[in-house]
Amino acid sequence: MLIEYIEEALKKAKYEIIEDEESYYGEVSELPGVWATGKTLEECRENLKQTIEGWIIISIKKGLPLPKIGDLEIKDLEECSV
C-alpha cells in the first residue's frame, strides 16, 4: 500500500531546472513541504522518493492524515505502523 502511494506521488511530481549547484528541483504539490534537488534528474527523483518516505513516516508517527494521491488514499494508519 505504501509503495503504491509513493509511486503515485512520484507520478504527480513536477521537476524544473534551477540555477544552483544541484540544478534539478522536484516537488509534489499534493504533499506540503515535500521537495528535493539533485545534480541530475535521476538523482533528484531518488532524493524526492526518500523525502516522500520520510514525510510519510513523520506523518504516521504524529498521527497526521495522509492526503489522497490520485485514486490512492490511506485511511487506517495503524495498518502502516512504523
PDB file of N, CA and C in Angstrom:
ATOM      1  N   MET A   1       0.820  -1.187   0.000  1.00  0.00           N
ATOM      2  CA  MET A   1       0.000   0.000   0.000  1.00  0.00           C
ATOM      3  C   MET A   1       0.872   1.263   0.000  1.00  0.00           C
ATOM      4  N   LEU A   2       1.917   1.280   0.822  1.00  0.00           N
ATOM      5  CA  LEU A   2       2.776   2.473   0.884  1.00  0.00           C
ATOM      6  C   LEU A   2       3.609   2.630  -0.383  1.00  0.00           C
ATOM      7  N   ILE A   3       4.054   1.517  -0.951  1.00  0.00           N
ATOM      8  CA  ILE A   3       4.844   1.593  -2.181  1.00  0.00           C
ATOM      9  C   ILE A   3       4.011   2.212  -3.301  1.00  0.00           C
ATOM     10  N   GLU A   4       2.762   1.778  -3.404  1.00  0.00           N
ATOM     11  CA  GLU A   4       1.881   2.332  -4.432  1.00  0.00           C
ATOM     12  C   GLU A   4       1.639   3.820  -4.195  1.00  0.00           C
ATOM     13  N   TYR A   5       1.503   4.204  -2.939  1.00  0.00           N
ATOM     14  CA  TYR A   5       1.289   5.610  -2.581  1.00  0.00           C
ATOM     15  C   TYR A   5       2.504   6.442  -3.010  1.00  0.00           C
ATOM     16  N   ILE A   6       3.699   5.950  -2.714  1.00  0.00           N
ATOM     17  CA  ILE A   6       4.928   6.663  -3.084  1.00  0.00           C
ATOM     18  C   ILE A   6       5.050   6.753  -4.600  1.00  0.00           C
ATOM     19  N   GLU A   7       4.773   5.656  -5.291  1.00  0.00           N
ATOM     20  CA  GLU A   7       4.855   5.661  -6.756  1.00  0.00           C
ATOM     21  C   GLU A   7       3.860   6.653  -7.361  1.00  0.00           C
ATOM     22  N   GLU A   8       2.663   6.701  -6.804  1.00  0.00           N
ATOM     23  CA  GLU A   8       1.652   7.646  -7.307  1.00  0.00           C
ATOM     24  C   GLU A   8       2.092   9.087  -7.042  1.00  0.00           C
ATOM     25  N   ALA A   9       2.686   9.330  -5.869  1.00  0.00           N
ATOM     26  CA  ALA A   9       3.192  10.668  -5.553  1.00  0.00           C
ATOM     27  C   ALA A   9       4.289  11.067  -6.542  1.00  0.00           C
ATOM     28  N   LEU A  10       5.170  10.129  -6.877  1.00  0.00           N
ATOM     29  CA  LEU A  10       6.235  10.430  -7.835  1.00  0.00           C
ATOM     30  C   LEU A  10       5.670  10.732  -9.224  1.00  0.00           C
ATOM     31  N   LYS A  11       4.554  10.115  -9.575  1.00  0.00           N
ATOM     32  CA  LYS A  11       3.912  10.419 -10.859  1.00  0.00           C
ATOM     33  C   LYS A  11       3.379  11.850 -10.881  1.00  0.00           C
ATOM     34  N   LYS A  12       3.010  12.366  -9.716  1.00  0.00           N
ATOM     35  CA  LYS A  12       2.467  13.722  -9.611  1.00  0.00           C
ATOM     36  C   LYS A  12       3.569  14.780  -9.501  1.00  0.00           C
ATOM     37  N   ALA A  13       4.820  14.343  -9.317  1.00  0.00           N
ATOM     38  CA  ALA A  13       5.931  15.274  -9.112  1.00  0.00           C
ATOM     39  C   ALA A  13       6.144  16.148 -10.341  1.00  0.00           C
ATOM     40  N   LYS A  14       6.554  17.365 -10.065  1.00  0.00           N
ATOM     41  CA  LYS A  14       6.898  18.309 -11.122  1.00  0.00           C
ATOM     42  C   LYS A  14       8.369  18.687 -10.929  1.00  0.00           C
ATOM     43  N   TYR A  15       9.100  18.719 -12.025  1.00  0.00           N
ATOM     44  CA  TYR A  15      10.535  18.986 -11.981  1.00  0.00           C
ATOM     45  C   TYR A  15      10.847  20.230 -12.795  1.00  0.00           C
ATOM     46  N   GLU A  16      11.897  20.924 -12.376  1.00  0.00           N
ATOM     47  CA  GLU A  16      12.360  22.080 -13.137  1.00  0.00           C
ATOM     48  C   GLU A  16      13.862  22.229 -12.951  1.00  0.00           C
ATOM     49  N   ILE A  17      14.463  22.941 -13.865  1.00  0.00           N
ATOM     50  CA  ILE A  17      15.897  23.219 -13.778  1.00  0.00           C
ATOM     51  C   ILE A  17      16.054  24.591 -13.141  1.00  0.00           C
ATOM     52  N   ILE A  18      16.919  24.639 -12.124  1.00  0.00           N
ATOM     53  CA  ILE A  18      17.160  25.891 -11.409  1.00  0.00           C
ATOM     54  C   ILE A  18      18.643  26.238 -11.487  1.00  0.00           C
ATOM     55  N   GLU A  19      18.968  27.484 -11.184  1.00  0.00           N
ATOM     56  CA  GLU A  19      20.368  27.903 -11.172  1.00  0.00           C
ATOM     57  C   GLU A  19      20.935  27.641  -9.797  1.00  0.00           C
ATOM     58  N   ASP A  20      21.553  26.473  -9.647  1.00  0.00           N
ATOM     59  CA  ASP A  20      22.112  26.046  -8.374  1.00  0.00           C
ATOM     60  C   ASP A  20      23.120  24.940  -8.658  1.00  0.00           C
ATOM     61  N   GLU A  21      23.935  24.603  -7.675  1.00  0.00           N
ATOM     62  CA  GLU A  21      24.882  23.501  -7.827  1.00  0.00           C
ATOM     63  C   GLU A  21      24.139  22.201  -8.128  1.00  0.00           C
ATOM     64  N   GLU A  22      23.032  21.987  -7.452  1.00  0.00           N
ATOM     65  CA  GLU A  22      22.141  20.867  -7.748  1.00  0.00           C
ATOM     66  C   GLU A  22      21.006  21.445  -8.591  1.00  0.00           C
ATOM     67  N   SER A  23      21.156  21.333  -9.898  1.00  0.00           N
ATOM     68  CA  SER A  23      20.319  22.124 -10.799  1.00  0.00           C
ATOM     69  C   SER A  23      18.924  21.568 -11.077  1.00  0.00           C
ATOM     70  N   TYR A  24      18.618  20.397 -10.552  1.00  0.00           N
ATOM     71  CA  TYR A  24      17.264  19.856 -10.736  1.00  0.00           C
ATOM     72  C   TYR A  24      16.489  19.966  -9.427  1.00  0.00           C
ATOM     73  N   TYR A  25      15.262  20.450  -9.542  1.00  0.00           N
ATOM     74  CA  TYR A  25      14.379  20.638  -8.399  1.00  0.00           C
ATOM     75  C   TYR A  25      13.080  19.899  -8.683  1.00  0.00           C
ATOM     76  N   GLY A  26      12.586  19.165  -7.692  1.00  0.00           N
ATOM     77  CA  GLY A  26      11.324  18.468  -7.850  1.00  0.00           C
ATOM     78  C   GLY A  26      10.468  18.626  -6.612  1.00  0.00           C
ATOM     79  N   GLU A  27       9.154  18.639  -6.813  1.00  0.00           N
ATOM     80  CA  GLU A  27       8.236  18.748  -5.690  1.00  0.00           C
ATOM     81  C   GLU A  27       6.937  18.013  -6.008  1.00  0.00           C
ATOM     82  N   VAL A  28       6.230  17.663  -4.942  1.00  0.00           N
ATOM     83  CA  VAL A  28       4.903  17.059  -5.059  1.00  0.00           C
ATOM     84  C   VAL A  28       3.956  18.019  -4.358  1.00  0.00           C
ATOM     85  N   SER A  29       3.208  18.798  -5.131  1.00  0.00           N
ATOM     86  CA  SER A  29       2.375  19.850  -4.543  1.00  0.00           C
ATOM     87  C   SER A  29       1.280  19.294  -3.631  1.00  0.00           C
ATOM     88  N   GLU A  30       0.860  18.048  -3.860  1.00  0.00           N
ATOM     89  CA  GLU A  30      -0.170  17.445  -3.014  1.00  0.00           C
ATOM     90  C   GLU A  30       0.347  17.106  -1.612  1.00  0.00           C
ATOM     91  N   LEU A  31       1.654  17.064  -1.445  1.00  0.00           N
ATOM     92  CA  LEU A  31       2.266  16.752  -0.149  1.00  0.00           C
ATOM     93  C   LEU A  31       3.005  17.994   0.349  1.00  0.00           C
ATOM     94  N   PRO A  32       2.420  18.742   1.267  1.00  0.00           N
ATOM     95  CA  PRO A  32       3.012  20.001   1.729  1.00  0.00           C
ATOM     96  C   PRO A  32       4.452  19.833   2.242  1.00  0.00           C
ATOM     97  N   GLY A  33       5.339  20.663   1.707  1.00  0.00           N
ATOM     98  CA  GLY A  33       6.720  20.667   2.161  1.00  0.00           C
ATOM     99  C   GLY A  33       7.601  19.590   1.563  1.00  0.00           C
ATOM    100  N   VAL A  34       7.085  18.807   0.623  1.00  0.00           N
ATOM    101  CA  VAL A  34       7.874  17.724   0.021  1.00  0.00           C
ATOM    102  C   VAL A  34       8.531  18.239  -1.260  1.00  0.00           C
ATOM    103  N   TRP A  35       9.864  18.347  -1.215  1.00  0.00           N
ATOM    104  CA  TRP A  35      10.650  18.773  -2.361  1.00  0.00           C
ATOM    105  C   TRP A  35      12.063  18.228  -2.219  1.00  0.00           C
ATOM    106  N   ALA A  36      12.812  18.211  -3.307  1.00  0.00           N
ATOM    107  CA  ALA A  36      14.193  17.730  -3.288  1.00  0.00           C
ATOM    108  C   ALA A  36      14.941  18.322  -4.477  1.00  0.00           C
ATOM    109  N   THR A  37      16.260  18.226  -4.420  1.00  0.00           N
ATOM    110  CA  THR A  37      17.111  18.674  -5.513  1.00  0.00           C
ATOM    111  C   THR A  37      18.097  17.560  -5.862  1.00  0.00           C
ATOM    112  N   GLY A  38      18.774  17.726  -6.978  1.00  0.00           N
ATOM    113  CA  GLY A  38      19.800  16.770  -7.376  1.00  0.00           C
ATOM    114  C   GLY A  38      20.603  17.326  -8.533  1.00  0.00           C
ATOM    115  N   LYS A  39      21.790  16.749  -8.732  1.00  0.00           N
ATOM    116  CA  LYS A  39      22.653  17.184  -9.834  1.00  0.00           C
ATOM    117  C   LYS A  39      22.142  16.674 -11.174  1.00  0.00           C
ATOM    118  N   THR A  40      21.406  15.563 -11.148  1.00  0.00           N
ATOM    119  CA  THR A  40      20.776  15.019 -12.347  1.00  0.00           C
ATOM    120  C   THR A  40      19.293  14.810 -12.047  1.00  0.00           C
ATOM    121  N   LEU A  41      18.517  14.605 -13.100  1.00  0.00           N
ATOM    122  CA  LEU A  41      17.098  14.352 -12.902  1.00  0.00           C
ATOM    123  C   LEU A  41      16.886  13.062 -12.104  1.00  0.00           C
ATOM    124  N   GLU A  42      17.673  12.030 -12.409  1.00  0.00           N
ATOM    125  CA  GLU A  42      17.540  10.764 -11.685  1.00  0.00           C
ATOM    126  C   GLU A  42      17.898  10.921 -10.201  1.00  0.00           C
ATOM    127  N   GLU A  43      18.952  11.690  -9.909  1.00  0.00           N
ATOM    128  CA  GLU A  43      19.329  11.928  -8.515  1.00  0.00           C
ATOM    129  C   GLU A  43      18.233  12.707  -7.798  1.00  0.00           C
ATOM    130  N   CYS A  44      17.666  13.687  -8.474  1.00  0.00           N
ATOM    131  CA  CYS A  44      16.581  14.472  -7.895  1.00  0.00           C
ATOM    132  C   CYS A  44      15.382  13.573  -7.601  1.00  0.00           C
ATOM    133  N   ARG A  45      15.044  12.699  -8.534  1.00  0.00           N
ATOM    134  CA  ARG A  45      13.918  11.781  -8.355  1.00  0.00           C
ATOM    135  C   ARG A  45      14.157  10.841  -7.175  1.00  0.00           C
ATOM    136  N   GLU A  46      15.372  10.319  -7.058  1.00  0.00           N
ATOM    137  CA  GLU A  46      15.691   9.429  -5.931  1.00  0.00           C
ATOM    138  C   GLU A  46      15.638  10.187  -4.613  1.00  0.00           C
ATOM    139  N   ASN A  47      16.158  11.409  -4.584  1.00  0.00           N
ATOM    140  CA  ASN A  47      16.098  12.233  -3.372  1.00  0.00           C
ATOM    141  C   ASN A  47      14.644  12.559  -3.008  1.00  0.00           C
ATOM    142  N   LEU A  48      13.829  12.807  -4.023  1.00  0.00           N
ATOM    143  CA  LEU A  48      12.419  13.100  -3.781  1.00  0.00           C
ATOM    144  C   LEU A  48      11.713  11.866  -3.210  1.00  0.00           C
ATOM    145  N   LYS A  49      12.045  10.712  -3.726  1.00  0.00           N
ATOM    146  CA  LYS A  49      11.459   9.462  -3.209  1.00  0.00           C
ATOM    147  C   LYS A  49      11.797   9.296  -1.723  1.00  0.00           C
ATOM    148  N   GLN A  50      13.043   9.533  -1.354  1.00  0.00           N
ATOM    149  CA  GLN A  50      13.454   9.424   0.052  1.00  0.00           C
ATOM    150  C   GLN A  50      12.752  10.476   0.910  1.00  0.00           C
ATOM    151  N   THR A  51      12.559  11.655   0.359  1.00  0.00           N
ATOM    152  CA  THR A  51      11.852  12.717   1.083  1.00  0.00           C
ATOM    153  C   THR A  51      10.396  12.322   1.327  1.00  0.00           C
ATOM    154  N   ILE A  52       9.757  11.742   0.319  1.00  0.00           N
ATOM    155  CA  ILE A  52       8.378  11.286   0.472  1.00  0.00           C
ATOM    156  C   ILE A  52       8.294  10.215   1.555  1.00  0.00           C
ATOM    157  N   GLU A  53       9.216   9.260   1.530  1.00  0.00           N
ATOM    158  CA  GLU A  53       9.230   8.199   2.541  1.00  0.00           C
ATOM    159  C   GLU A  53       9.353   8.787   3.945  1.00  0.00           C
ATOM    160  N   GLY A  54      10.280   9.712   4.124  1.00  0.00           N
ATOM    161  CA  GLY A  54      10.457  10.357   5.429  1.00  0.00           C
ATOM    162  C   GLY A  54       9.232  11.138   5.851  1.00  0.00           C
ATOM    163  N   TRP A  55       8.619  11.839   4.894  1.00  0.00           N
ATOM    164  CA  TRP A  55       7.420  12.622   5.173  1.00  0.00           C
ATOM    165  C   TRP A  55       6.279  11.716   5.639  1.00  0.00           C
ATOM    166  N   ILE A  56       6.137  10.554   4.997  1.00  0.00           N
ATOM    167  CA  ILE A  56       5.103   9.591   5.401  1.00  0.00           C
ATOM    168  C   ILE A  56       5.361   9.085   6.806  1.00  0.00           C
ATOM    169  N   ILE A  57       6.592   8.721   7.104  1.00  0.00           N
ATOM    170  CA  ILE A  57       6.943   8.203   8.438  1.00  0.00           C
ATOM    171  C   ILE A  57       6.636   9.237   9.515  1.00  0.00           C
ATOM    172  N   ILE A  58       7.044  10.473   9.294  1.00  0.00           N
ATOM    173  CA  ILE A  58       6.780  11.536  10.272  1.00  0.00           C
ATOM    174  C   ILE A  58       5.282  11.758  10.430  1.00  0.00           C
ATOM    175  N   SER A  59       4.552  11.775   9.320  1.00  0.00           N
ATOM    176  CA  SER A  59       3.099  11.964   9.385  1.00  0.00           C
ATOM    177  C   SER A  59       2.437  10.859  10.188  1.00  0.00           C
ATOM    178  N   ILE A  60       2.846   9.620   9.959  1.00  0.00           N
ATOM    179  CA  ILE A  60       2.273   8.482  10.684  1.00  0.00           C
ATOM    180  C   ILE A  60       2.594   8.577  12.168  1.00  0.00           C
ATOM    181  N   LYS A  61       3.859   8.876  12.485  1.00  0.00           N
ATOM    182  CA  LYS A  61       4.259   8.976  13.896  1.00  0.00           C
ATOM    183  C   LYS A  61       3.499  10.074  14.627  1.00  0.00           C
ATOM    184  N   LYS A  62       3.177  11.155  13.919  1.00  0.00           N
ATOM    185  CA  LYS A  62       2.452  12.268  14.532  1.00  0.00           C
ATOM    186  C   LYS A  62       0.938  12.087  14.456  1.00  0.00           C
ATOM    187  N   GLY A  63       0.492  11.010  13.819  1.00  0.00           N
ATOM    188  CA  GLY A  63      -0.942  10.762  13.689  1.00  0.00           C
ATOM    189  C   GLY A  63      -1.640  11.701  12.720  1.00  0.00           C
ATOM    190  N   LEU A  64      -0.893  12.254  11.784  1.00  0.00           N
ATOM    191  CA  LEU A  64      -1.466  13.185  10.809  1.00  0.00           C
ATOM    192  C   LEU A  64      -2.048  12.411   9.627  1.00  0.00           C
ATOM    193  N   PRO A  65      -3.133  12.898   9.053  1.00  0.00           N
ATOM    194  CA  PRO A  65      -3.713  12.207   7.900  1.00  0.00           C
ATOM    195  C   PRO A  65      -2.842  12.383   6.663  1.00  0.00           C
ATOM    196  N   LEU A  66      -2.811  11.362   5.830  1.00  0.00           N
ATOM    197  CA  LEU A  66      -2.098  11.445   4.564  1.00  0.00           C
ATOM    198  C   LEU A  66      -3.100  11.848   3.489  1.00  0.00           C
ATOM    199  N   PRO A  67      -2.763  12.855   2.694  1.00  0.00           N
ATOM    200  CA  PRO A  67      -3.703  13.293   1.659  1.00  0.00           C
ATOM    201  C   PRO A  67      -3.867  12.237   0.565  1.00  0.00           C
ATOM    202  N   LYS A  68      -4.996  12.272  -0.087  1.00  0.00           N
ATOM    203  CA  LYS A  68      -5.266  11.374  -1.204  1.00  0.00           C
ATOM    204  C   LYS A  68      -4.358  11.773  -2.362  1.00  0.00           C
ATOM    205  N   ILE A  69      -3.748  10.778  -2.985  1.00  0.00           N
ATOM    206  CA  ILE A  69      -2.902  10.992  -4.154  1.00  0.00           C
ATOM    207  C   ILE A  69      -3.513  10.193  -5.298  1.00  0.00           C
ATOM    208  N   GLY A  70      -3.977  10.873  -6.315  1.00  0.00           N
ATOM    209  CA  GLY A  70      -4.667  10.174  -7.398  1.00  0.00           C
ATOM    210  C   GLY A  70      -5.872   9.444  -6.836  1.00  0.00           C
ATOM    211  N   ASP A  71      -5.932   8.145  -7.067  1.00  0.00           N
ATOM    212  CA  ASP A  71      -7.017   7.324  -6.532  1.00  0.00           C
ATOM    213  C   ASP A  71      -6.639   6.653  -5.221  1.00  0.00           C
ATOM    214  N   LEU A  72      -5.416   6.901  -4.733  1.00  0.00           N
ATOM    215  CA  LEU A  72      -4.938   6.220  -3.527  1.00  0.00           C
ATOM    216  C   LEU A  72      -5.158   7.056  -2.281  1.00  0.00           C
ATOM    217  N   GLU A  73      -5.703   6.390  -1.279  1.00  0.00           N
ATOM    218  CA  GLU A  73      -5.938   7.045   0.000  1.00  0.00           C
ATOM    219  C   GLU A  73      -5.630   6.029   1.100  1.00  0.00           C
ATOM    220  N   ILE A  74      -4.844   6.463   2.079  1.00  0.00           N
ATOM    221  CA  ILE A  74      -4.528   5.607   3.216  1.00  0.00           C
ATOM    222  C   ILE A  74      -5.293   6.162   4.405  1.00  0.00           C
ATOM    223  N   LYS A  75      -6.301   5.418   4.819  1.00  0.00           N
ATOM    224  CA  LYS A  75      -7.162   5.890   5.902  1.00  0.00           C
ATOM    225  C   LYS A  75      -6.781   5.292   7.247  1.00  0.00           C
ATOM    226  N   ASP A  76      -6.426   3.999   7.257  1.00  0.00           N
ATOM    227  CA  ASP A  76      -6.137   3.314   8.513  1.00  0.00           C
ATOM    228  C   ASP A  76      -4.636   3.260   8.718  1.00  0.00           C
ATOM    229  N   LEU A  77      -4.101   4.281   9.407  1.00  0.00           N
ATOM    230  CA  LEU A  77      -2.655   4.378   9.604  1.00  0.00           C
ATOM    231  C   LEU A  77      -2.131   3.301  10.544  1.00  0.00           C
ATOM    232  N   GLU A  78      -2.971   2.690  11.357  1.00  0.00           N
ATOM    233  CA  GLU A  78      -2.498   1.648  12.256  1.00  0.00           C
ATOM    234  C   GLU A  78      -2.008   0.431  11.473  1.00  0.00           C
ATOM    235  N   GLU A  79      -2.521   0.217  10.262  1.00  0.00           N
ATOM    236  CA  GLU A  79      -2.043  -0.869   9.415  1.00  0.00           C
ATOM    237  C   GLU A  79      -0.608  -0.618   8.959  1.00  0.00           C
ATOM    238  N   CYS A  80      -0.181   0.630   8.988  1.00  0.00           N
ATOM    239  CA  CYS A  80       1.131   1.020   8.474  1.00  0.00           C
ATOM    240  C   CYS A  80       2.079   1.424   9.591  1.00  0.00           C
ATOM    241  N   SER A  81       1.871   0.981  10.793  1.00  0.00           N
ATOM    242  CA  SER A  81       2.686   1.450  11.907  1.00  0.00           C
ATOM    243  C   SER A  81       4.156   1.180  11.687  1.00  0.00           C
ATOM    244  N   VAL A  82       4.976   2.156  12.117  1.00  0.00           N
ATOM    245  CA  VAL A  82       6.427   2.059  11.969  1.00  0.00           C
ATOM    246  C   VAL A  82       7.099   2.057  13.317  1.00  0.00           C
TER     247      VAL A  82
END
